Amino acid sequence: MKAVFSAACAAVIALSGPALAKTTLNMASTYPGSLTQLGTLGKAIEESIDKMSGGELEVKFFEPGALVPALEVFDAVSNGSVDAAWSTPGYWQGKEPALALFAAVPFGPDVREYTAWLFYGGGEEMMQEIYEPYNIHSIICAVIAPEASGWFREEITSVDDLKGLKMRFFGLGAKVMQQLGVDTQLLAGGDIYPALERGTIDATEFSQPAIDLNLGFYQVAKHYYFPGWHQQSTAFELMINKDRWDALSEAEQAMINTACRANVAMGMAEGEAIQVDALAELEEKGVTIHRWPDEILATFEETWNRVAEEEAANDEKFKKAWESLSTFRENYKRWGDVGYIQ
């Protein structure tokens, strides 16, 4: 009887087939998982892929520093010491200047126009071509609405007031500020408040009101400037080691792509929804909300146009991406002018 039972069990196991092996991608993050949007959208990827795959595909979120320091995830993904990373292409412009154009563009497109270029104008494919020699496959995995453009201890009344300031600044906007006499530094989110509090930096920009509120900059600086001319929309990425990406099944790749596209929509909507209350709370805490005077904005824009020309002249990949985006924007303008109430 025991032999018959054992044979029956063996038959059932054989008919059921081999158990599927779980695929896990360890994902280092540039942002803390608790940080509004910047981190929580990375956590959302972990959760949505787990649900879509029924637990068979895991993209496991790790806090900054748990696997590698926040701003070292590029090299870690490239060499395969981590499988994936949650970040933004703008952090890597020191390695490839063109990558900054896939994160945020000064005086650039809003989130509608930006995603149109990224997904249907060849932007994301061009970005992936730039990453390929580094053995990285990167997917645009979130795009958020405009940011603020600076926290200052004192009111800024002219461009001359910026000269000599030490300021944390991100992306291509930092090159604009440098030409205006600002000593810019690129710091990870968690390092900004201590630097501002100690006086290592005099001013900072980081993100949207709801995010900046979370980081407490208002405790040190009370003058908050808009609009975010340097980041009218900001894209984030899921970077995956190319060997690991190629080894995934088509179904696994499709789940990751689908999760990222859904994350883009969620990030856009959430970012618009949460700013009003954040602005009100900041004002209650004694923050003065400023809008840059037209003449200062004009100076920023003139300087940016000069920076863009210089970057394109110095780097072929930047030139190619910049010409692609500029052509798309020229063509889009017709639709933007007639389709939307100005």
Protein backbone atom coordinates (compact mmCIF):
# COMPACT_ATOMS: atom_id res chain seq x y z
CA MET A 1 0.00 0.00 0.00
CA LYS A 2 2.83 2.36 0.89
CA ALA A 3 4.45 1.66 -2.48
CA VAL A 4 1.19 2.44 -4.30
CA PHE A 5 0.77 5.72 -2.37
CA SER A 6 4.37 6.74 -3.12
CA ALA A 7 3.90 6.00 -6.80
CA ALA A 8 0.69 8.06 -6.90
CA CYS A 9 2.42 11.04 -5.25
CA ALA A 10 5.26 10.81 -7.74
CA ALA A 11 2.78 10.81 -10.64
CA VAL A 12 1.00 13.92 -9.32
CA ILE A 13 4.32 15.75 -8.90
CA ALA A 14 5.39 14.76 -12.42
CA LEU A 15 2.11 15.94 -13.93
CA SER A 16 2.22 19.26 -12.11
CA GLY A 17 5.61 20.08 -13.66
CA PRO A 18 8.61 21.77 -12.08
CA ALA A 19 8.05 24.66 -9.67
CA LEU A 20 8.77 28.04 -11.21
CA ALA A 21 11.90 29.70 -9.85
CA LYS A 22 11.37 33.17 -8.43
CA THR A 23 13.30 35.94 -10.18
CA THR A 24 14.68 38.66 -7.90
CA LEU A 25 16.27 41.94 -8.92
CA ASN A 26 17.88 43.81 -6.03
CA MET A 27 17.24 47.52 -6.64
CA ALA A 28 19.44 50.12 -4.96
CA SER A 29 17.85 53.55 -4.58
CA THR A 30 19.13 57.10 -4.75
CA TYR A 31 16.14 58.24 -2.65
CA PRO A 32 14.78 57.07 0.72
CA GLY A 33 11.66 54.97 0.30
CA SER A 34 9.70 57.26 2.61
CA LEU A 35 10.45 60.42 0.61
CA THR A 36 7.30 61.73 -1.10
CA GLN A 37 7.19 60.78 -4.77
CA LEU A 38 10.97 60.52 -5.27
CA GLY A 39 11.18 57.47 -3.05
CA THR A 40 7.57 56.32 -2.81
CA LEU A 41 7.33 55.92 -6.59
CA GLY A 42 10.27 53.52 -6.39
CA LYS A 43 8.49 51.57 -3.67
CA ALA A 44 5.38 51.52 -5.86
CA ILE A 45 7.35 49.69 -8.57
CA GLU A 46 8.32 47.02 -6.06
CA GLU A 47 4.69 46.56 -5.02
CA SER A 48 3.07 46.63 -8.46
CA ILE A 49 5.49 44.14 -10.02
CA ASP A 50 5.02 41.79 -7.09
CA LYS A 51 1.24 41.86 -7.58
CA MET A 52 1.34 41.56 -11.36
CA SER A 53 3.67 38.59 -11.24
CA GLY A 54 1.93 36.82 -8.37
CA GLY A 55 5.20 37.00 -6.46
CA GLU A 56 7.22 35.26 -9.18
CA LEU A 57 9.14 38.43 -10.12
CA GLU A 58 10.55 40.61 -7.38
CA VAL A 59 12.19 44.01 -7.79
CA LYS A 60 13.38 44.49 -4.24
CA PHE A 61 13.81 48.11 -3.08
CA PHE A 62 16.87 48.89 -0.95
CA GLU A 63 17.35 52.19 0.86
CA PRO A 64 20.25 54.49 -0.10
CA GLY A 65 23.47 53.12 1.32
CA ALA A 66 22.07 49.66 2.04
CA LEU A 67 23.78 48.22 -1.03
CA VAL A 68 25.81 51.18 -2.35
CA PRO A 69 25.89 54.93 -1.64
CA ALA A 70 23.08 56.92 -3.24
CA LEU A 71 25.15 58.49 -6.01
CA GLU A 72 27.18 55.38 -6.82
CA VAL A 73 24.34 53.29 -8.22
CA PHE A 74 25.36 53.92 -11.85
CA ASP A 75 28.68 52.09 -11.50
CA ALA A 76 27.11 49.36 -9.36
CA VAL A 77 24.48 48.57 -11.99
CA SER A 78 27.02 48.85 -14.79
CA ASN A 79 29.42 46.32 -13.27
CA GLY A 80 26.64 44.04 -12.03
CA SER A 81 27.34 44.36 -8.31
CA VAL A 82 23.66 45.31 -8.00
CA ASP A 83 20.93 44.22 -10.40
CA ALA A 84 19.02 47.48 -10.66
CA ALA A 85 18.67 51.00 -9.32
CA TRP A 86 15.99 53.65 -8.82
CA SER A 87 17.31 57.08 -9.76
CA THR A 88 17.24 59.82 -12.42
CA PRO A 89 19.45 60.19 -15.51
CA GLY A 90 20.35 63.74 -14.47
CA TYR A 91 22.74 62.49 -11.81
CA TRP A 92 24.98 60.98 -14.47
CA GLN A 93 25.72 63.97 -16.67
CA GLY A 94 29.32 63.86 -15.43
CA LYS A 95 29.66 60.51 -17.20
CA GLU A 96 27.51 61.33 -20.24
CA PRO A 97 26.40 64.97 -20.62
CA ALA A 98 23.48 63.97 -22.85
CA LEU A 99 21.82 61.98 -20.07
CA ALA A 100 20.82 65.24 -18.39
CA LEU A 101 18.35 65.87 -21.22
CA PHE A 102 16.38 62.77 -20.23
CA ALA A 103 15.90 64.02 -16.67
CA ALA A 104 15.00 67.72 -16.84
CA VAL A 105 15.44 70.51 -19.37
CA PRO A 106 15.68 74.19 -18.37
CA PHE A 107 12.74 76.10 -19.84
CA GLY A 108 11.89 72.73 -21.26
CA PRO A 109 8.71 70.84 -21.95
CA ASP A 110 6.01 70.33 -19.37
CA VAL A 111 5.07 66.81 -18.43
CA ARG A 112 2.69 66.32 -21.38
CA GLU A 113 5.17 67.38 -24.03
CA TYR A 114 8.11 65.68 -22.31
CA THR A 115 6.46 62.27 -22.13
CA ALA A 116 5.32 62.65 -25.74
CA TRP A 117 8.95 63.07 -26.82
CA LEU A 118 10.29 60.38 -24.49
CA PHE A 119 7.79 57.71 -25.48
CA TYR A 120 6.76 58.63 -29.02
CA GLY A 121 9.49 60.96 -30.25
CA GLY A 122 12.42 58.60 -29.81
CA GLY A 123 13.72 60.06 -26.56
CA GLU A 124 13.74 56.92 -24.44
CA GLU A 125 15.29 54.83 -27.23
CA MET A 126 18.06 57.41 -27.62
CA MET A 127 18.66 57.31 -23.85
CA GLN A 128 18.97 53.53 -23.95
CA GLU A 129 21.52 53.78 -26.76
CA ILE A 130 23.65 56.07 -24.58
CA TYR A 131 23.44 53.65 -21.65
CA GLU A 132 24.18 50.51 -23.69
CA PRO A 133 28.00 50.80 -23.70
CA TYR A 134 27.82 50.90 -19.91
CA ASN A 135 25.90 47.61 -19.85
CA ILE A 136 22.81 49.36 -18.50
CA HIS A 137 19.20 49.16 -19.70
CA SER A 138 17.23 52.12 -18.38
CA ILE A 139 13.46 52.67 -18.50
CA ILE A 140 11.69 55.96 -17.86
CA CYS A 141 9.68 54.99 -14.79
CA ALA A 142 8.17 58.22 -13.44
CA VAL A 143 7.77 61.85 -14.50
CA ILE A 144 6.75 64.51 -12.01
CA ALA A 145 5.42 68.04 -12.30
CA PRO A 146 7.39 71.32 -11.91
CA GLU A 147 9.79 71.87 -9.06
CA ALA A 148 10.70 74.98 -7.12
CA SER A 149 13.96 76.68 -8.06
CA GLY A 150 15.51 77.59 -4.76
CA TRP A 151 15.55 78.03 -0.98
CA PHE A 152 17.47 81.11 0.17
CA ARG A 153 18.15 82.63 3.56
CA GLU A 154 17.79 86.14 2.17
CA GLU A 155 15.52 87.57 -0.52
CA ILE A 156 17.06 87.63 -4.01
CA THR A 157 16.36 90.94 -5.72
CA SER A 158 18.80 90.71 -8.64
CA VAL A 159 21.04 88.25 -10.41
CA ASP A 160 23.99 89.90 -8.67
CA ASP A 161 22.66 88.57 -5.34
CA LEU A 162 23.39 85.05 -6.57
CA LYS A 163 27.08 85.62 -7.17
CA GLY A 164 29.34 83.80 -4.75
CA LEU A 165 26.59 81.69 -3.20
CA LYS A 166 27.34 78.03 -2.52
CA MET A 167 24.22 76.23 -3.67
CA ARG A 168 23.08 72.67 -4.17
CA PHE A 169 21.77 72.50 -7.72
CA PHE A 170 20.79 69.67 -10.05
CA GLY A 171 21.25 68.89 -13.71
CA LEU A 172 21.63 71.32 -16.55
CA GLY A 173 20.29 74.13 -14.41
CA ALA A 174 23.52 73.93 -12.39
CA LYS A 175 25.50 74.92 -15.47
CA VAL A 176 23.29 77.99 -15.85
CA MET A 177 23.86 78.96 -12.23
CA GLN A 178 27.61 78.44 -12.58
CA GLN A 179 27.73 80.94 -15.44
CA LEU A 180 25.94 83.41 -13.17
CA GLY A 181 28.62 83.10 -10.49
CA VAL A 182 27.07 80.45 -8.24
CA ASP A 183 29.31 77.75 -6.74
CA THR A 184 27.08 74.71 -7.32
CA GLN A 185 27.31 71.31 -5.67
CA LEU A 186 25.37 68.12 -6.36
CA LEU A 187 24.23 66.49 -3.13
CA ALA A 188 21.90 63.55 -2.56
CA GLY A 189 18.58 64.41 -0.91
CA GLY A 190 19.53 63.16 2.53
CA ASP A 191 22.73 65.23 2.59
CA ILE A 192 21.16 68.60 1.79
CA TYR A 193 19.58 69.63 5.10
CA PRO A 194 22.72 68.98 7.20
CA ALA A 195 24.81 70.94 4.69
CA LEU A 196 22.33 73.83 4.73
CA GLU A 197 22.11 73.81 8.52
CA ARG A 198 25.90 73.78 9.00
CA GLY A 199 26.44 76.48 6.38
CA THR A 200 28.39 74.21 4.05
CA ILE A 201 25.96 75.50 1.43
CA ASP A 202 24.13 78.83 1.46
CA ALA A 203 21.09 77.81 -0.56
CA THR A 204 19.52 74.81 -2.25
CA GLU A 205 16.97 73.57 -4.69
CA PHE A 206 15.64 70.05 -4.56
CA SER A 207 12.09 69.35 -5.63
CA GLN A 208 8.40 70.19 -5.27
CA PRO A 209 6.77 71.85 -2.23
CA ALA A 210 5.37 68.54 -0.93
CA ILE A 211 8.83 66.97 -1.14
CA ASP A 212 10.81 69.95 0.16
CA LEU A 213 8.39 70.21 3.09
CA ASN A 214 9.20 66.62 3.96
CA LEU A 215 12.92 67.46 4.11
CA GLY A 216 12.48 70.48 6.38
CA PHE A 217 14.41 73.13 4.44
CA TYR A 218 12.00 75.76 5.79
CA GLN A 219 13.67 75.45 9.18
CA VAL A 220 16.86 77.01 7.80
CA ALA A 221 15.79 79.12 4.80
CA LYS A 222 12.55 81.10 4.55
CA HIS A 223 12.60 82.43 0.97
CA TYR A 224 11.22 79.94 -1.57
CA TYR A 225 11.40 80.72 -5.29
CA PHE A 226 9.26 79.72 -8.26
CA PRO A 227 8.85 78.75 -11.05
CA GLY A 228 11.24 75.84 -11.38
CA TRP A 229 12.65 77.11 -14.66
CA HIS A 230 15.32 74.40 -14.53
CA GLN A 231 12.88 71.51 -14.01
CA GLN A 232 9.44 72.04 -15.49
CA SER A 233 9.16 68.27 -15.41
CA THR A 234 11.56 65.65 -14.08
CA ALA A 235 11.97 62.06 -15.24
CA PHE A 236 13.08 59.13 -13.10
CA GLU A 237 14.44 55.80 -14.20
CA LEU A 238 14.64 52.14 -13.39
CA MET A 239 18.19 51.14 -14.34
CA ILE A 240 18.82 47.43 -14.84
CA ASN A 241 22.10 45.69 -15.55
CA LYS A 242 21.89 44.85 -19.26
CA ASP A 243 22.94 41.23 -18.79
CA ARG A 244 20.24 40.77 -16.15
CA TRP A 245 17.67 42.51 -18.37
CA ASP A 246 18.49 40.32 -21.38
CA ALA A 247 18.18 37.21 -19.21
CA LEU A 248 14.61 38.05 -18.22
CA SER A 249 11.75 36.42 -20.09
CA GLU A 250 9.59 38.49 -22.46
CA ALA A 251 6.77 38.27 -19.91
CA GLU A 252 9.02 39.60 -17.12
CA GLN A 253 10.28 42.45 -19.30
CA ALA A 254 6.70 43.30 -20.26
CA MET A 255 5.62 43.42 -16.61
CA ILE A 256 8.45 45.81 -15.76
CA ASN A 257 7.68 48.06 -18.73
CA THR A 258 3.97 48.08 -17.89
CA ALA A 259 4.63 48.87 -14.24
CA CYS A 260 6.86 51.80 -15.24
CA ARG A 261 4.30 53.24 -17.66
CA ALA A 262 1.62 53.03 -14.96
CA ASN A 263 4.03 54.67 -12.51
CA VAL A 264 4.46 57.61 -14.89
CA ALA A 265 0.71 58.26 -14.88
CA MET A 266 0.44 57.88 -11.11
CA GLY A 267 3.38 60.16 -10.46
CA MET A 268 2.01 62.92 -12.69
CA ALA A 269 -1.41 62.86 -11.06
CA GLU A 270 -0.15 62.60 -7.50
CA GLY A 271 2.37 65.39 -8.01
CA GLU A 272 -0.34 67.80 -9.12
CA ALA A 273 -2.67 66.81 -6.29
CA ILE A 274 -0.38 67.30 -3.32
CA GLN A 275 1.20 70.72 -3.89
CA VAL A 276 -1.62 73.03 -2.77
CA ASP A 277 -1.73 71.82 0.83
CA ALA A 278 2.06 71.74 0.97
CA LEU A 279 2.33 75.38 -0.12
CA ALA A 280 -0.22 76.38 2.50
CA GLU A 281 1.64 74.51 5.24
CA LEU A 282 4.94 76.08 4.26
CA GLU A 283 3.42 79.54 4.46
CA GLU A 284 2.03 78.69 7.91
CA LYS A 285 5.60 77.86 8.93
CA GLY A 286 6.76 81.34 7.96
CA VAL A 287 8.01 80.70 4.43
CA THR A 288 7.66 83.52 1.89
CA ILE A 289 6.70 82.26 -1.57
CA HIS A 290 8.37 84.29 -4.33
CA ARG A 291 7.98 84.33 -8.09
CA TRP A 292 11.12 85.30 -9.98
CA PRO A 293 10.80 88.74 -11.63
CA ASP A 294 10.51 88.60 -15.42
CA GLU A 295 13.93 90.19 -15.90
CA ILE A 296 15.66 87.52 -13.78
CA LEU A 297 13.81 84.74 -15.59
CA ALA A 298 14.90 86.28 -18.88
CA THR A 299 18.52 86.20 -17.71
CA PHE A 300 18.19 82.55 -16.72
CA GLU A 301 16.76 81.72 -20.13
CA GLU A 302 19.39 83.65 -22.09
CA THR A 303 22.09 81.92 -20.09
CA TRP A 304 20.50 78.52 -20.67
CA ASN A 305 20.40 79.05 -24.42
CA ARG A 306 24.11 79.78 -24.32
CA VAL A 307 24.79 76.69 -22.18
CA ALA A 308 22.79 74.47 -24.55
CA GLU A 309 24.82 75.70 -27.53
CA GLU A 310 28.08 75.06 -25.69
CA GLU A 311 27.06 71.57 -24.58
CA ALA A 312 25.96 70.64 -28.10
CA ALA A 313 29.24 71.92 -29.53
CA ASN A 314 31.25 69.88 -27.01
CA ASP A 315 29.44 66.54 -27.12
CA GLU A 316 28.00 64.70 -30.14
CA LYS A 317 25.52 62.66 -28.12
CA PHE A 318 24.22 65.78 -26.42
CA LYS A 319 23.92 67.48 -29.81
CA LYS A 320 21.94 64.57 -31.24
CA ALA A 321 19.54 64.43 -28.29
CA TRP A 322 19.17 68.21 -28.11
CA GLU A 323 18.39 68.46 -31.84
CA SER A 324 15.84 65.65 -31.50
CA LEU A 325 14.09 67.35 -28.60
CA SER A 326 14.26 70.80 -30.19
CA THR A 327 12.79 69.54 -33.48
CA PHE A 328 10.03 67.73 -31.61
CA ARG A 329 9.20 70.88 -29.67
CA GLU A 330 9.10 73.02 -32.82
CA ASN A 331 6.64 70.60 -34.40
CA TYR A 332 4.63 70.20 -31.20
CA LYS A 333 4.20 73.95 -30.80
CA ARG A 334 1.46 74.03 -33.44
CA TRP A 335 -0.61 71.55 -31.43
CA GLY A 336 0.24 73.14 -28.11
CA ASP A 337 -0.87 76.56 -29.35
CA VAL A 338 -4.22 75.46 -30.79
CA GLY A 339 -5.06 72.56 -28.49
CA TYR A 340 -4.76 74.16 -25.06
CA ILE A 341 -6.06 77.31 -23.46
CA GLN A 342 -2.99 79.48 -22.90
